[in-house]
C-alpha atoms as a PDB file:
ATOM      1  CA  UNK A   1       0.000   0.000   0.000  1.00  0.00           C
ATOM      2  CA  UNK A   2       1.572   3.340  -0.999  1.00  0.00           C
ATOM      3  CA  UNK A   3       2.452   5.988   1.585  1.00  0.00           C
ATOM      4  CA  UNK A   4      -0.028   8.839   1.064  1.00  0.00           C
ATOM      5  CA  UNK A   5       1.445  12.336   1.355  1.00  0.00           C
ATOM      6  CA  UNK A   6      -1.456  14.349  -0.068  1.00  0.00           C
ATOM      7  CA  UNK A   7      -4.456  13.725  -2.316  1.00  0.00           C
ATOM      8  CA  UNK A   8      -2.281  13.880  -5.443  1.00  0.00           C
ATOM      9  CA  UNK A   9       1.068  12.636  -4.107  1.00  0.00           C
ATOM     10  CA  UNK A  10       1.976   9.220  -2.717  1.00  0.00           C
ATOM     11  CA  UNK A  11       5.161   7.158  -2.430  1.00  0.00           C
ATOM     12  CA  UNK A  12       5.026   3.580  -3.784  1.00  0.00           C
ATOM     13  CA  UNK A  13       6.174   0.822  -1.421  1.00  0.00           C
ATOM     14  CA  UNK A  14       8.976  -0.320  -3.740  1.00  0.00           C
ATOM     15  CA  UNK A  15      10.747   3.070  -3.330  1.00  0.00           C
ATOM     16  CA  UNK A  16      10.944   2.705   0.469  1.00  0.00           C
ATOM     17  CA  UNK A  17      13.515   0.236   1.765  1.00  0.00           C
ATOM     18  CA  UNK A  18      12.710  -1.169   5.219  1.00  0.00           C
ATOM     19  CA  UNK A  19      15.225  -3.321   7.099  1.00  0.00           C
ATOM     20  CA  UNK A  20      14.763  -4.916  10.517  1.00  0.00           C
ATOM     21  CA  UNK A  21      17.770  -4.413  12.807  1.00  0.00           C
ATOM     22  CA  UNK A  22      18.444  -4.958  16.485  1.00  0.00           C
ATOM     23  CA  UNK A  23      17.428  -2.079  18.710  1.00  0.00           C
ATOM     24  CA  UNK A  24      19.821  -0.300  21.038  1.00  0.00           C
ATOM     25  CA  UNK A  25      19.486   0.361  24.743  1.00  0.00           C
ATOM     26  CA  UNK A  26      17.778  -1.361  27.614  1.00  0.00           C
ATOM     27  CA  UNK A  27      15.336  -4.185  27.013  1.00  0.00           C
ATOM     28  CA  UNK A  28      16.961  -7.328  28.337  1.00  0.00           C
ATOM     29  CA  UNK A  29      16.844 -10.542  26.352  1.00  0.00           C
ATOM     30  CA  UNK A  30      14.286  -9.164  23.892  1.00  0.00           C
ATOM     31  CA  UNK A  31      16.810  -6.600  22.593  1.00  0.00           C
ATOM     32  CA  UNK A  32      19.519  -9.221  22.266  1.00  0.00           C
ATOM     33  CA  UNK A  33      17.396 -11.784  20.407  1.00  0.00           C
ATOM     34  CA  UNK A  34      14.811  -9.958  18.308  1.00  0.00           C
ATOM     35  CA  UNK A  35      15.337  -7.455  15.472  1.00  0.00           C
ATOM     36  CA  UNK A  36      12.586  -5.013  16.402  1.00  0.00           C
ATOM     37  CA  UNK A  37      14.084  -1.724  15.213  1.00  0.00           C
ATOM     38  CA  UNK A  38      13.378  -0.594  11.645  1.00  0.00           C
ATOM     39  CA  UNK A  39      15.901   1.107   9.388  1.00  0.00           C
ATOM     40  CA  UNK A  40      14.052   3.075   6.676  1.00  0.00           C
ATOM     41  CA  UNK A  41      15.909   4.320   3.589  1.00  0.00           C
ATOM     42  CA  UNK A  42      14.293   6.506   0.927  1.00  0.00           C
ATOM     43  CA  UNK A  43      16.311   7.716  -2.073  1.00  0.00           C
ATOM     44  CA  UNK A  44      14.896  11.155  -2.912  1.00  0.00           C
ATOM     45  CA  UNK A  45      16.565  11.754  -6.323  1.00  0.00           C
ATOM     46  CA  UNK A  46      15.529   8.295  -7.602  1.00  0.00           C
ATOM     47  CA  UNK A  47      11.967   8.575  -6.288  1.00  0.00           C
ATOM     48  CA  UNK A  48       8.783   9.311  -8.211  1.00  0.00           C
ATOM     49  CA  UNK A  49       8.009  12.392  -6.117  1.00  0.00           C
ATOM     50  CA  UNK A  50       7.213  15.588  -8.045  1.00  0.00           C
ATOM     51  CA  UNK A  51      10.177  17.930  -8.623  1.00  0.00           C
ATOM     52  CA  UNK A  52       8.801  20.432  -6.079  1.00  0.00           C
ATOM     53  CA  UNK A  53       9.015  17.878  -3.240  1.00  0.00           C
ATOM     54  CA  UNK A  54      12.453  16.640  -4.338  1.00  0.00           C
ATOM     55  CA  UNK A  55      13.919  20.161  -4.417  1.00  0.00           C
ATOM     56  CA  UNK A  56      12.474  21.006  -1.007  1.00  0.00           C
ATOM     57  CA  UNK A  57      13.687  17.739   0.557  1.00  0.00           C
ATOM     58  CA  UNK A  58      17.201  18.077  -0.849  1.00  0.00           C
ATOM     59  CA  UNK A  59      17.403  21.724   0.255  1.00  0.00           C
ATOM     60  CA  UNK A  60      16.161  20.953   3.784  1.00  0.00           C
ATOM     61  CA  UNK A  61      18.787  21.090   6.523  1.00  0.00           C
ATOM     62  CA  UNK A  62      17.705  17.908   8.256  1.00  0.00           C
ATOM     63  CA  UNK A  63      20.281  15.509   9.676  1.00  0.00           C
ATOM     64  CA  UNK A  64      18.184  12.544   8.518  1.00  0.00           C
ATOM     65  CA  UNK A  65      18.883  13.450   4.872  1.00  0.00           C
ATOM     66  CA  UNK A  66      22.374  12.438   3.699  1.00  0.00           C
ATOM     67  CA  UNK A  67      24.487  14.427   1.240  1.00  0.00           C
ATOM     68  CA  UNK A  68      23.483  11.940  -1.513  1.00  0.00           C
ATOM     69  CA  UNK A  69      19.818  12.734  -0.870  1.00  0.00           C
ATOM     70  CA  UNK A  70      18.899   9.536   0.973  1.00  0.00           C
ATOM     71  CA  UNK A  71      16.488   9.872   3.892  1.00  0.00           C
ATOM     72  CA  UNK A  72      17.538   7.524   6.718  1.00  0.00           C
ATOM     73  CA  UNK A  73      15.156   6.993   9.638  1.00  0.00           C
ATOM     74  CA  UNK A  74      15.762   4.544  12.471  1.00  0.00           C
ATOM     75  CA  UNK A  75      12.636   3.691  14.440  1.00  0.00           C
ATOM     76  CA  UNK A  76      13.188   1.864  17.735  1.00  0.00           C
ATOM     77  CA  UNK A  77      10.717   3.515  20.055  1.00  0.00           C
ATOM     78  CA  UNK A  78       8.498   0.453  20.450  1.00  0.00           C
ATOM     79  CA  UNK A  79       9.140  -3.177  21.400  1.00  0.00           C
ATOM     80  CA  UNK A  80       7.306  -4.580  18.379  1.00  0.00           C
ATOM     81  CA  UNK A  81       8.566  -4.555  14.811  1.00  0.00           C
ATOM     82  CA  UNK A  82       5.145  -3.683  13.365  1.00  0.00           C
ATOM     83  CA  UNK A  83       4.781  -0.585  15.543  1.00  0.00           C
ATOM     84  CA  UNK A  84       8.307   0.543  14.666  1.00  0.00           C
ATOM     85  CA  UNK A  85       7.616   0.014  10.937  1.00  0.00           C
ATOM     86  CA  UNK A  86       4.472   2.139  11.239  1.00  0.00           C
ATOM     87  CA  UNK A  87       6.388   4.765  13.228  1.00  0.00           C
ATOM     88  CA  UNK A  88       9.151   4.979  10.586  1.00  0.00           C
ATOM     89  CA  UNK A  89       6.616   5.389   7.768  1.00  0.00           C
ATOM     90  CA  UNK A  90       4.730   8.074   9.715  1.00  0.00           C
ATOM     91  CA  UNK A  91       7.964   9.962  10.342  1.00  0.00           C
ATOM     92  CA  UNK A  92       8.827   9.865   6.622  1.00  0.00           C
ATOM     93  CA  UNK A  93       5.317  11.060   5.792  1.00  0.00           C
ATOM     94  CA  UNK A  94       5.651  13.862   8.339  1.00  0.00           C
ATOM     95  CA  UNK A  95       9.042  14.918   6.934  1.00  0.00           C
ATOM     96  CA  UNK A  96       7.755  15.135   3.360  1.00  0.00           C
ATOM     97  CA  UNK A  97       4.632  17.028   4.445  1.00  0.00           C
ATOM     98  CA  UNK A  98       6.741  19.391   6.535  1.00  0.00           C
ATOM     99  CA  UNK A  99       8.953  20.441   3.618  1.00  0.00           C
ATOM    100  CA  UNK A 100       5.937  20.889   1.332  1.00  0.00           C
ATOM    101  CA  UNK A 101       4.345  23.474   3.629  1.00  0.00           C
ATOM    102  CA  UNK A 102       5.216  26.996   2.533  1.00  0.00           C
ATOM    103  CA  UNK A 103       5.899  29.669   5.120  1.00  0.00           C
ATOM    104  CA  UNK A 104       3.883  32.845   4.826  1.00  0.00           C
ATOM    105  CA  UNK A 105       6.035  35.897   4.207  1.00  0.00           C
ATOM    106  CA  UNK A 106       6.321  38.053   7.297  1.00  0.00           C
ATOM    107  CA  UNK A 107       4.839  41.487   6.953  1.00  0.00           C
ATOM    108  CA  UNK A 108       6.891  43.953   9.009  1.00  0.00           C
ATOM    109  CA  UNK A 109       4.838  45.868  11.558  1.00  0.00           C
ATOM    110  CA  UNK A 110       5.483  48.762  13.925  1.00  0.00           C
ATOM    111  CA  UNK A 111       4.337  49.066  17.537  1.00  0.00           C
ATOM    112  CA  UNK A 112       1.311  51.314  17.965  1.00  0.00           C
ATOM    113  CA  UNK A 113       1.677  54.821  19.365  1.00  0.00           C
ATOM    114  CA  UNK A 114      -0.258  53.770  22.469  1.00  0.00           C
ATOM    115  CA  UNK A 115       2.053  50.806  23.150  1.00  0.00           C
ATOM    116  CA  UNK A 116       5.137  53.040  22.733  1.00  0.00           C
ATOM    117  CA  UNK A 117       3.687  55.603  25.169  1.00  0.00           C
ATOM    118  CA  UNK A 118       2.855  52.854  27.709  1.00  0.00           C
ATOM    119  CA  UNK A 119       6.397  51.502  27.466  1.00  0.00           C
ATOM    120  CA  UNK A 120       7.943  54.912  28.141  1.00  0.00           C
ATOM    121  CA  UNK A 121       5.516  55.535  31.035  1.00  0.00           C
ATOM    122  CA  UNK A 122       6.448  52.179  32.581  1.00  0.00           C
ATOM    123  CA  UNK A 123      10.154  52.999  32.279  1.00  0.00           C
ATOM    124  CA  UNK A 124       9.604  56.366  33.933  1.00  0.00           C
ATOM    125  CA  UNK A 125       7.597  54.785  36.760  1.00  0.00           C
ATOM    126  CA  UNK A 126      10.263  52.109  37.263  1.00  0.00           C
ATOM    127  CA  UNK A 127      12.972  54.793  37.400  1.00  0.00           C
ATOM    128  CA  UNK A 128      11.023  56.715  40.094  1.00  0.00           C
ATOM    129  CA  UNK A 129      10.628  53.511  42.130  1.00  0.00           C
ATOM    130  CA  UNK A 130      14.345  52.835  41.943  1.00  0.00           C
ATOM    131  CA  UNK A 131      15.189  56.442  42.823  1.00  0.00           C
ATOM    132  CA  UNK A 132      13.281  56.017  46.108  1.00  0.00           C
ATOM    133  CA  UNK A 133      15.597  53.155  47.085  1.00  0.00           C
ATOM    134  CA  UNK A 134      18.518  55.487  47.750  1.00  0.00           C
ATOM    135  CA  UNK A 135      20.098  56.351  51.106  1.00  0.00           C
ATOM    136  CA  UNK A 136      17.775  58.007  53.598  1.00  0.00           C
ATOM    137  CA  UNK A 137      19.101  61.185  55.236  1.00  0.00           C
ATOM    138  CA  UNK A 138      17.879  62.158  58.697  1.00  0.00           C
END
């Protein structure tokens, strides 16, 4: 079943390489015996993704994307291989969706006259309060 990114875009299963490996960390005998972690590899330049997605993915400064343009995700959060496989696929889906979202251009704004006046008034008030903290003469 292909990995659905949007209504028009999906990644076929044959482009995603999933390998079961042994997980790291605590877990006792289960970690030592069973290959529950999933190593996901997705070659961006060789994929069938539209050019827009490829350019965005390759330009992204994400440590999961190698210099050759291969997305490498290691999923070992869960104790079962199926859950880790699902987790790895969801993380790939999330990464591709994340780079496809365009940021709105920031429109520069200025503080209002009222907010500037309030700020100056607060500074003046604070200065008066501090001035009262001086030495008291009898």
